[in-house]
C-alpha atoms as a PDB file:
ATOM      1  CA  UNK A   1      -0.036   0.074   0.083  1.00  0.00           C
ATOM      2  CA  UNK A   2       1.343   3.337  -0.857  1.00  0.00           C
ATOM      3  CA  UNK A   3       1.833   5.781   1.919  1.00  0.00           C
ATOM      4  CA  UNK A   4       1.852   9.381   0.393  1.00  0.00           C
ATOM      5  CA  UNK A   5       3.874  11.820   2.378  1.00  0.00           C
ATOM      6  CA  UNK A   6       3.807  15.681   1.990  1.00  0.00           C
ATOM      7  CA  UNK A   7       5.751  15.747  -1.265  1.00  0.00           C
ATOM      8  CA  UNK A   8       5.858  18.131  -4.279  1.00  0.00           C
ATOM      9  CA  UNK A   9       6.196  16.826  -7.935  1.00  0.00           C
ATOM     10  CA  UNK A  10       9.906  17.341  -7.968  1.00  0.00           C
ATOM     11  CA  UNK A  11      10.412  15.022  -4.959  1.00  0.00           C
ATOM     12  CA  UNK A  12       8.061  12.541  -6.672  1.00  0.00           C
ATOM     13  CA  UNK A  13      10.171  12.478  -9.799  1.00  0.00           C
ATOM     14  CA  UNK A  14      13.350  11.872  -7.715  1.00  0.00           C
ATOM     15  CA  UNK A  15      11.643   8.813  -6.206  1.00  0.00           C
ATOM     16  CA  UNK A  16      10.894  10.189  -2.825  1.00  0.00           C
ATOM     17  CA  UNK A  17       7.405   8.660  -2.572  1.00  0.00           C
ATOM     18  CA  UNK A  18       7.688   5.894  -0.112  1.00  0.00           C
ATOM     19  CA  UNK A  19       5.845   2.630   0.433  1.00  0.00           C
ATOM     20  CA  UNK A  20       5.067   1.950   4.078  1.00  0.00           C
ATOM     21  CA  UNK A  21       5.524  -1.692   5.291  1.00  0.00           C
ATOM     22  CA  UNK A  22       5.136  -2.593   9.055  1.00  0.00           C
ATOM     23  CA  UNK A  23       8.616  -3.890  10.105  1.00  0.00           C
ATOM     24  CA  UNK A  24       8.805  -4.005  13.925  1.00  0.00           C
ATOM     25  CA  UNK A  25       7.847  -2.146  17.114  1.00  0.00           C
ATOM     26  CA  UNK A  26      11.338  -0.845  17.642  1.00  0.00           C
ATOM     27  CA  UNK A  27      11.616   2.972  17.552  1.00  0.00           C
ATOM     28  CA  UNK A  28      14.945   4.726  16.311  1.00  0.00           C
ATOM     29  CA  UNK A  29      15.822   8.265  17.006  1.00  0.00           C
ATOM     30  CA  UNK A  30      16.976   8.731  13.514  1.00  0.00           C
ATOM     31  CA  UNK A  31      16.235   7.012  10.275  1.00  0.00           C
ATOM     32  CA  UNK A  32      18.192   3.763   9.675  1.00  0.00           C
ATOM     33  CA  UNK A  33      19.180   3.291   5.892  1.00  0.00           C
ATOM     34  CA  UNK A  34      18.836  -0.436   4.721  1.00  0.00           C
ATOM     35  CA  UNK A  35      19.264  -2.323   1.617  1.00  0.00           C
ATOM     36  CA  UNK A  36      16.421  -2.976  -0.828  1.00  0.00           C
ATOM     37  CA  UNK A  37      16.889  -6.283  -2.687  1.00  0.00           C
ATOM     38  CA  UNK A  38      14.307  -7.163  -5.612  1.00  0.00           C
ATOM     39  CA  UNK A  39      14.641 -10.733  -7.061  1.00  0.00           C
ATOM     40  CA  UNK A  40      18.250 -11.184  -6.014  1.00  0.00           C
ATOM     41  CA  UNK A  41      19.457  -7.576  -7.232  1.00  0.00           C
ATOM     42  CA  UNK A  42      20.079  -4.613  -4.902  1.00  0.00           C
ATOM     43  CA  UNK A  43      18.153  -1.548  -6.042  1.00  0.00           C
ATOM     44  CA  UNK A  44      19.642   1.923  -5.582  1.00  0.00           C
ATOM     45  CA  UNK A  45      17.566   4.996  -5.621  1.00  0.00           C
ATOM     46  CA  UNK A  46      17.968   8.638  -4.654  1.00  0.00           C
ATOM     47  CA  UNK A  47      15.734   8.127  -1.502  1.00  0.00           C
ATOM     48  CA  UNK A  48      16.904   4.808  -0.013  1.00  0.00           C
ATOM     49  CA  UNK A  49      14.844   2.379   1.925  1.00  0.00           C
ATOM     50  CA  UNK A  50      15.014   3.122   5.664  1.00  0.00           C
ATOM     51  CA  UNK A  51      13.470   2.241   8.971  1.00  0.00           C
ATOM     52  CA  UNK A  52      11.730   5.259  10.437  1.00  0.00           C
ATOM     53  CA  UNK A  53       9.944   4.980  13.854  1.00  0.00           C
ATOM     54  CA  UNK A  54       9.880   1.200  13.568  1.00  0.00           C
ATOM     55  CA  UNK A  55       8.350   1.075  10.099  1.00  0.00           C
ATOM     56  CA  UNK A  56      10.348   0.137   6.990  1.00  0.00           C
ATOM     57  CA  UNK A  57       9.785   2.867   4.283  1.00  0.00           C
ATOM     58  CA  UNK A  58      10.333   1.723   0.689  1.00  0.00           C
ATOM     59  CA  UNK A  59      10.690   4.046  -2.277  1.00  0.00           C
ATOM     60  CA  UNK A  60       7.679   3.108  -4.271  1.00  0.00           C
ATOM     61  CA  UNK A  61       8.926   4.218  -7.794  1.00  0.00           C
ATOM     62  CA  UNK A  62      12.233   2.328  -7.459  1.00  0.00           C
ATOM     63  CA  UNK A  63      10.349  -0.834  -6.228  1.00  0.00           C
ATOM     64  CA  UNK A  64       7.652  -0.615  -8.810  1.00  0.00           C
ATOM     65  CA  UNK A  65      10.156  -0.182 -11.560  1.00  0.00           C
ATOM     66  CA  UNK A  66      12.541  -2.904 -10.534  1.00  0.00           C
ATOM     67  CA  UNK A  67       9.335  -5.142 -10.888  1.00  0.00           C
ATOM     68  CA  UNK A  68       8.623  -3.958 -14.460  1.00  0.00           C
ATOM     69  CA  UNK A  69       5.991  -1.470 -13.585  1.00  0.00           C
ATOM     70  CA  UNK A  70       5.617   2.156 -14.709  1.00  0.00           C
ATOM     71  CA  UNK A  71       5.030   4.894 -12.155  1.00  0.00           C
ATOM     72  CA  UNK A  72       3.313   8.190 -13.270  1.00  0.00           C
ATOM     73  CA  UNK A  73       1.996  11.215 -11.552  1.00  0.00           C
ATOM     74  CA  UNK A  74      -1.456  12.446 -12.259  1.00  0.00           C
ATOM     75  CA  UNK A  75      -1.097  16.122 -11.068  1.00  0.00           C
ATOM     76  CA  UNK A  76      -4.755  16.981 -11.902  1.00  0.00           C
ATOM     77  CA  UNK A  77      -6.095  14.247  -9.698  1.00  0.00           C
ATOM     78  CA  UNK A  78      -3.150  14.166  -7.184  1.00  0.00           C
ATOM     79  CA  UNK A  79      -2.714  10.436  -7.838  1.00  0.00           C
ATOM     80  CA  UNK A  80       0.253   8.206  -8.185  1.00  0.00           C
ATOM     81  CA  UNK A  81      -0.456   5.611 -10.890  1.00  0.00           C
ATOM     82  CA  UNK A  82       1.373   2.410 -11.015  1.00  0.00           C
ATOM     83  CA  UNK A  83       0.817   0.008 -14.060  1.00  0.00           C
ATOM     84  CA  UNK A  84       2.532  -3.199 -15.151  1.00  0.00           C
ATOM     85  CA  UNK A  85       2.722  -4.407 -18.793  1.00  0.00           C
ATOM     86  CA  UNK A  86       0.219  -6.983 -18.332  1.00  0.00           C
ATOM     87  CA  UNK A  87      -2.433  -4.419 -17.179  1.00  0.00           C
ATOM     88  CA  UNK A  88      -1.432  -2.300 -20.216  1.00  0.00           C
ATOM     89  CA  UNK A  89      -1.961  -5.185 -22.539  1.00  0.00           C
ATOM     90  CA  UNK A  90      -5.546  -5.404 -21.329  1.00  0.00           C
ATOM     91  CA  UNK A  91      -6.127  -1.647 -21.687  1.00  0.00           C
ATOM     92  CA  UNK A  92      -5.087  -2.009 -25.563  1.00  0.00           C
ATOM     93  CA  UNK A  93      -8.058  -3.921 -26.201  1.00  0.00           C
ATOM     94  CA  UNK A  94     -10.365  -0.880 -25.761  1.00  0.00           C
ATOM     95  CA  UNK A  95     -11.578   0.934 -28.900  1.00  0.00           C
ATOM     96  CA  UNK A  96      -9.429   4.103 -28.327  1.00  0.00           C
ATOM     97  CA  UNK A  97      -5.856   3.803 -27.309  1.00  0.00           C
ATOM     98  CA  UNK A  98      -5.326   7.371 -26.449  1.00  0.00           C
ATOM     99  CA  UNK A  99      -2.058   9.415 -26.591  1.00  0.00           C
ATOM    100  CA  UNK A 100      -0.811   8.111 -23.267  1.00  0.00           C
ATOM    101  CA  UNK A 101      -1.675   4.568 -24.345  1.00  0.00           C
ATOM    102  CA  UNK A 102       0.265   5.084 -27.604  1.00  0.00           C
ATOM    103  CA  UNK A 103       3.301   6.276 -25.664  1.00  0.00           C
ATOM    104  CA  UNK A 104       3.170   3.240 -23.308  1.00  0.00           C
ATOM    105  CA  UNK A 105       2.966   0.868 -26.140  1.00  0.00           C
ATOM    106  CA  UNK A 106       6.128   2.400 -27.744  1.00  0.00           C
ATOM    107  CA  UNK A 107       8.080   2.321 -24.421  1.00  0.00           C
ATOM    108  CA  UNK A 108       7.051  -1.419 -23.982  1.00  0.00           C
ATOM    109  CA  UNK A 109       8.071  -1.964 -27.546  1.00  0.00           C
ATOM    110  CA  UNK A 110      11.604  -0.838 -26.731  1.00  0.00           C
ATOM    111  CA  UNK A 111      11.964  -3.060 -23.772  1.00  0.00           C
ATOM    112  CA  UNK A 112      10.802  -6.110 -26.017  1.00  0.00           C
ATOM    113  CA  UNK A 113      13.304  -5.160 -28.624  1.00  0.00           C
ATOM    114  CA  UNK A 114      16.177  -5.372 -26.354  1.00  0.00           C
ATOM    115  CA  UNK A 115      14.981  -8.499 -24.491  1.00  0.00           C
ATOM    116  CA  UNK A 116      15.173  -9.997 -27.831  1.00  0.00           C
ATOM    117  CA  UNK A 117      18.433  -8.523 -28.823  1.00  0.00           C
ATOM    118  CA  UNK A 118      19.933  -9.642 -25.482  1.00  0.00           C
ATOM    119  CA  UNK A 119      18.719 -13.164 -25.929  1.00  0.00           C
ATOM    120  CA  UNK A 120      15.770 -13.264 -23.695  1.00  0.00           C
ATOM    121  CA  UNK A 121      15.160 -13.428 -19.876  1.00  0.00           C
ATOM    122  CA  UNK A 122      14.390 -17.044 -19.263  1.00  0.00           C
ATOM    123  CA  UNK A 123      16.846 -19.953 -18.428  1.00  0.00           C
ATOM    124  CA  UNK A 124      19.926 -19.849 -20.589  1.00  0.00           C
ATOM    125  CA  UNK A 125      21.687 -22.743 -22.039  1.00  0.00           C
ATOM    126  CA  UNK A 126      25.365 -22.140 -21.015  1.00  0.00           C
ATOM    127  CA  UNK A 127      28.103 -21.750 -23.588  1.00  0.00           C
ATOM    128  CA  UNK A 128      28.290 -20.501 -27.248  1.00  0.00           C
ATOM    129  CA  UNK A 129      29.067 -22.220 -30.489  1.00  0.00           C
ATOM    130  CA  UNK A 130      30.580 -21.531 -33.924  1.00  0.00           C
ATOM    131  CA  UNK A 131      28.059 -21.439 -36.875  1.00  0.00           C
ATOM    132  CA  UNK A 132      28.905 -20.478 -40.393  1.00  0.00           C
ATOM    133  CA  UNK A 133      32.075 -18.696 -39.096  1.00  0.00           C
ATOM    134  CA  UNK A 134      30.334 -16.651 -36.397  1.00  0.00           C
ATOM    135  CA  UNK A 135      30.025 -17.012 -32.596  1.00  0.00           C
ATOM    136  CA  UNK A 136      26.373 -17.780 -31.564  1.00  0.00           C
ATOM    137  CA  UNK A 137      24.460 -18.316 -28.416  1.00  0.00           C
ATOM    138  CA  UNK A 138      21.204 -20.241 -27.628  1.00  0.00           C
ATOM    139  CA  UNK A 139      18.144 -18.020 -27.005  1.00  0.00           C
ATOM    140  CA  UNK A 140      16.650 -18.219 -23.428  1.00  0.00           C
ATOM    141  CA  UNK A 141      13.659 -20.507 -22.744  1.00  0.00           C
ATOM    142  CA  UNK A 142      11.145 -17.643 -23.104  1.00  0.00           C
ATOM    143  CA  UNK A 143      12.239 -17.093 -26.731  1.00  0.00           C
ATOM    144  CA  UNK A 144      13.791 -20.398 -27.892  1.00  0.00           C
ATOM    145  CA  UNK A 145      11.360 -21.415 -30.641  1.00  0.00           C
ATOM    146  CA  UNK A 146       9.767 -19.661 -33.484  1.00  0.00           C
ATOM    147  CA  UNK A 147       6.244 -19.836 -31.879  1.00  0.00           C
ATOM    148  CA  UNK A 148       7.571 -18.217 -28.618  1.00  0.00           C
ATOM    149  CA  UNK A 149       9.543 -15.691 -30.596  1.00  0.00           C
ATOM    150  CA  UNK A 150       6.630 -14.623 -32.790  1.00  0.00           C
ATOM    151  CA  UNK A 151       4.155 -14.641 -30.064  1.00  0.00           C
ATOM    152  CA  UNK A 152       6.274 -12.276 -28.122  1.00  0.00           C
ATOM    153  CA  UNK A 153       6.571  -9.901 -30.966  1.00  0.00           C
ATOM    154  CA  UNK A 154       2.799  -9.819 -31.511  1.00  0.00           C
ATOM    155  CA  UNK A 155       2.089  -8.581 -28.068  1.00  0.00           C
ATOM    156  CA  UNK A 156       3.156  -5.252 -29.431  1.00  0.00           C
ATOM    157  CA  UNK A 157       3.226  -5.383 -33.159  1.00  0.00           C
ATOM    158  CA  UNK A 158       0.637  -6.509 -35.924  1.00  0.00           C
ATOM    159  CA  UNK A 159       1.089 -10.201 -37.104  1.00  0.00           C
ATOM    160  CA  UNK A 160       2.418  -8.842 -40.519  1.00  0.00           C
ATOM    161  CA  UNK A 161       5.241  -6.825 -38.900  1.00  0.00           C
ATOM    162  CA  UNK A 162       5.876  -9.828 -36.680  1.00  0.00           C
ATOM    163  CA  UNK A 163       6.053 -12.277 -39.604  1.00  0.00           C
ATOM    164  CA  UNK A 164       8.363  -9.809 -41.510  1.00  0.00           C
ATOM    165  CA  UNK A 165      10.756  -9.355 -38.597  1.00  0.00           C
ATOM    166  CA  UNK A 166      11.141 -13.192 -38.175  1.00  0.00           C
ATOM    167  CA  UNK A 167      11.889 -13.385 -41.906  1.00  0.00           C
ATOM    168  CA  UNK A 168      14.421 -10.664 -41.818  1.00  0.00           C
ATOM    169  CA  UNK A 169      16.336 -12.232 -38.913  1.00  0.00           C
ATOM    170  CA  UNK A 170      16.388 -15.653 -40.409  1.00  0.00           C
ATOM    171  CA  UNK A 171      17.553 -14.300 -43.819  1.00  0.00           C
ATOM    172  CA  UNK A 172      20.255 -11.930 -42.335  1.00  0.00           C
ATOM    173  CA  UNK A 173      21.562 -14.550 -39.716  1.00  0.00           C
ATOM    174  CA  UNK A 174      20.236 -12.615 -36.788  1.00  0.00           C
ATOM    175  CA  UNK A 175      18.532 -15.873 -35.838  1.00  0.00           C
ATOM    176  CA  UNK A 176      19.348 -19.486 -36.648  1.00  0.00           C
ATOM    177  CA  UNK A 177      16.948 -22.400 -36.025  1.00  0.00           C
ATOM    178  CA  UNK A 178      18.691 -25.669 -35.281  1.00  0.00           C
ATOM    179  CA  UNK A 179      16.557 -28.652 -34.607  1.00  0.00           C
ATOM    180  CA  UNK A 180      13.594 -26.227 -33.551  1.00  0.00           C
ATOM    181  CA  UNK A 181      15.669 -24.258 -31.187  1.00  0.00           C
ATOM    182  CA  UNK A 182      16.598 -20.681 -31.849  1.00  0.00           C
ATOM    183  CA  UNK A 183      20.182 -19.001 -31.518  1.00  0.00           C
ATOM    184  CA  UNK A 184      21.433 -15.653 -32.206  1.00  0.00           C
ATOM    185  CA  UNK A 185      24.935 -13.997 -32.648  1.00  0.00           C
ATOM    186  CA  UNK A 186      26.756 -13.658 -29.291  1.00  0.00           C
ATOM    187  CA  UNK A 187      26.457  -9.951 -28.815  1.00  0.00           C
ATOM    188  CA  UNK A 188      24.526  -7.300 -26.673  1.00  0.00           C
ATOM    189  CA  UNK A 189      23.525  -3.857 -27.060  1.00  0.00           C
ATOM    190  CA  UNK A 190      21.511  -0.916 -25.797  1.00  0.00           C
ATOM    191  CA  UNK A 191      19.969   2.449 -26.914  1.00  0.00           C
ATOM    192  CA  UNK A 192      20.168   6.084 -25.854  1.00  0.00           C
ATOM    193  CA  UNK A 193      16.553   6.661 -27.113  1.00  0.00           C
ATOM    194  CA  UNK A 194      14.249   7.148 -24.205  1.00  0.00           C
ATOM    195  CA  UNK A 195      11.172   5.716 -25.622  1.00  0.00           C
ATOM    196  CA  UNK A 196       9.797   4.974 -22.002  1.00  0.00           C
ATOM    197  CA  UNK A 197       9.520   8.720 -21.554  1.00  0.00           C
ATOM    198  CA  UNK A 198       8.357   9.539 -24.959  1.00  0.00           C
ATOM    199  CA  UNK A 199       5.145  11.526 -25.480  1.00  0.00           C
ATOM    200  CA  UNK A 200       2.528  10.938 -28.444  1.00  0.00           C
ATOM    201  CA  UNK A 201       0.314  13.184 -30.341  1.00  0.00           C
ATOM    202  CA  UNK A 202      -2.455  11.877 -32.431  1.00  0.00           C
ATOM    203  CA  UNK A 203      -1.985  13.294 -35.973  1.00  0.00           C
ATOM    204  CA  UNK A 204      -4.234  11.091 -38.136  1.00  0.00           C
ATOM    205  CA  UNK A 205      -7.201   8.823 -37.343  1.00  0.00           C
ATOM    206  CA  UNK A 206      -9.054   6.369 -39.446  1.00  0.00           C
ATOM    207  CA  UNK A 207     -10.999   3.216 -38.976  1.00  0.00           C
ATOM    208  CA  UNK A 208      -9.095   0.901 -36.830  1.00  0.00           C
ATOM    209  CA  UNK A 209      -5.860   3.019 -37.614  1.00  0.00           C
ATOM    210  CA  UNK A 210      -4.192   5.866 -35.718  1.00  0.00           C
ATOM    211  CA  UNK A 211      -1.115   7.604 -36.514  1.00  0.00           C
ATOM    212  CA  UNK A 212       0.862   9.424 -33.815  1.00  0.00           C
ATOM    213  CA  UNK A 213       3.846  11.840 -33.835  1.00  0.00           C
ATOM    214  CA  UNK A 214       6.298  10.694 -30.990  1.00  0.00           C
ATOM    215  CA  UNK A 215       8.664  12.994 -29.213  1.00  0.00           C
ATOM    216  CA  UNK A 216      11.488  10.826 -27.831  1.00  0.00           C
ATOM    217  CA  UNK A 217      14.250  11.941 -25.467  1.00  0.00           C
ATOM    218  CA  UNK A 218      17.672  11.456 -27.033  1.00  0.00           C
ATOM    219  CA  UNK A 219      20.428  12.817 -24.427  1.00  0.00           C
ATOM    220  CA  UNK A 220      19.547  16.536 -24.066  1.00  0.00           C
ATOM    221  CA  UNK A 221      17.363  16.864 -27.181  1.00  0.00           C
ATOM    222  CA  UNK A 222      14.312  15.134 -28.672  1.00  0.00           C
ATOM    223  CA  UNK A 223      13.795  13.292 -31.861  1.00  0.00           C
ATOM    224  CA  UNK A 224      10.342  13.159 -33.475  1.00  0.00           C
ATOM    225  CA  UNK A 225       9.129   9.849 -34.979  1.00  0.00           C
ATOM    226  CA  UNK A 226       5.762   9.306 -36.787  1.00  0.00           C
ATOM    227  CA  UNK A 227       4.273   5.854 -36.525  1.00  0.00           C
ATOM    228  CA  UNK A 228       1.020   3.976 -37.329  1.00  0.00           C
ATOM    229  CA  UNK A 229      -0.946   1.974 -34.804  1.00  0.00           C
ATOM    230  CA  UNK A 230      -3.649  -0.473 -35.978  1.00  0.00           C
ATOM    231  CA  UNK A 231      -6.437  -2.312 -34.025  1.00  0.00           C
ATOM    232  CA  UNK A 232      -5.971  -6.029 -34.554  1.00  0.00           C
ATOM    233  CA  UNK A 233      -9.346  -7.989 -33.872  1.00  0.00           C
ATOM    234  CA  UNK A 234      -9.126  -9.996 -30.865  1.00  0.00           C
ATOM    235  CA  UNK A 235      -5.679  -8.722 -29.732  1.00  0.00           C
ATOM    236  CA  UNK A 236      -5.968  -4.901 -29.520  1.00  0.00           C
ATOM    237  CA  UNK A 237      -3.809  -1.958 -30.601  1.00  0.00           C
ATOM    238  CA  UNK A 238      -0.534  -2.975 -32.222  1.00  0.00           C
ATOM    239  CA  UNK A 239       2.226  -1.010 -33.842  1.00  0.00           C
ATOM    240  CA  UNK A 240       2.186  -1.388 -37.555  1.00  0.00           C
ATOM    241  CA  UNK A 241       5.824  -0.418 -38.378  1.00  0.00           C
ATOM    242  CA  UNK A 242       8.980  -2.558 -38.691  1.00  0.00           C
ATOM    243  CA  UNK A 243       9.960  -4.050 -35.321  1.00  0.00           C
ATOM    244  CA  UNK A 244      13.358  -2.435 -35.441  1.00  0.00           C
ATOM    245  CA  UNK A 245      11.808   1.100 -35.755  1.00  0.00           C
ATOM    246  CA  UNK A 246      11.770   1.272 -31.928  1.00  0.00           C
ATOM    247  CA  UNK A 247      15.157   0.179 -30.519  1.00  0.00           C
END
């Protein structure tokens, strides 16, 4: 449960909103800083986890983002909004995606692109191997078959774009299929584009199709990208652009 303290917007952005969890009846004269571990990894934030008057105060933004959720501040309604990707998938089945929904879709698409590019997030088979003169590694268990790979892309992209990306990766050696299992070149990467903080503006609307202009942070400036979204029956709103448009 979130415990909202006397905070302004600046302190919210810096991660000062705290989640209050009852810890013990011990009272401390001064706050005691403690470690915050999420799924085996220590989480560092501007405002650390600490014990105040016998309660452990946890920075809500840092905790939520470590668990894959997105935290936003609704100034008009004085509300902290925490949403995970599963919830956003459900929201995309509605008739109108809206500008914030389009921005969230693009942010999730960037996360998916780099999960794929870095080999997945499931169990990994150790070691690499040579294939046609290049060093390859097996994809993780969440992306190690054609079906899993395409289904993962189709969470955010139209089936046509997912199929096109699969074909492109197979043709250029970005993926190889060996006895039904997938492998990719042994390399990692990242991006300076801040799609997770992008804003979207609706510029064109048709039946089941909406085109948005995205303003995407890049270092100390912004890049403007135009993208089309399409409503896929039974699935919801999906990006109808090449998968590597967002990376």
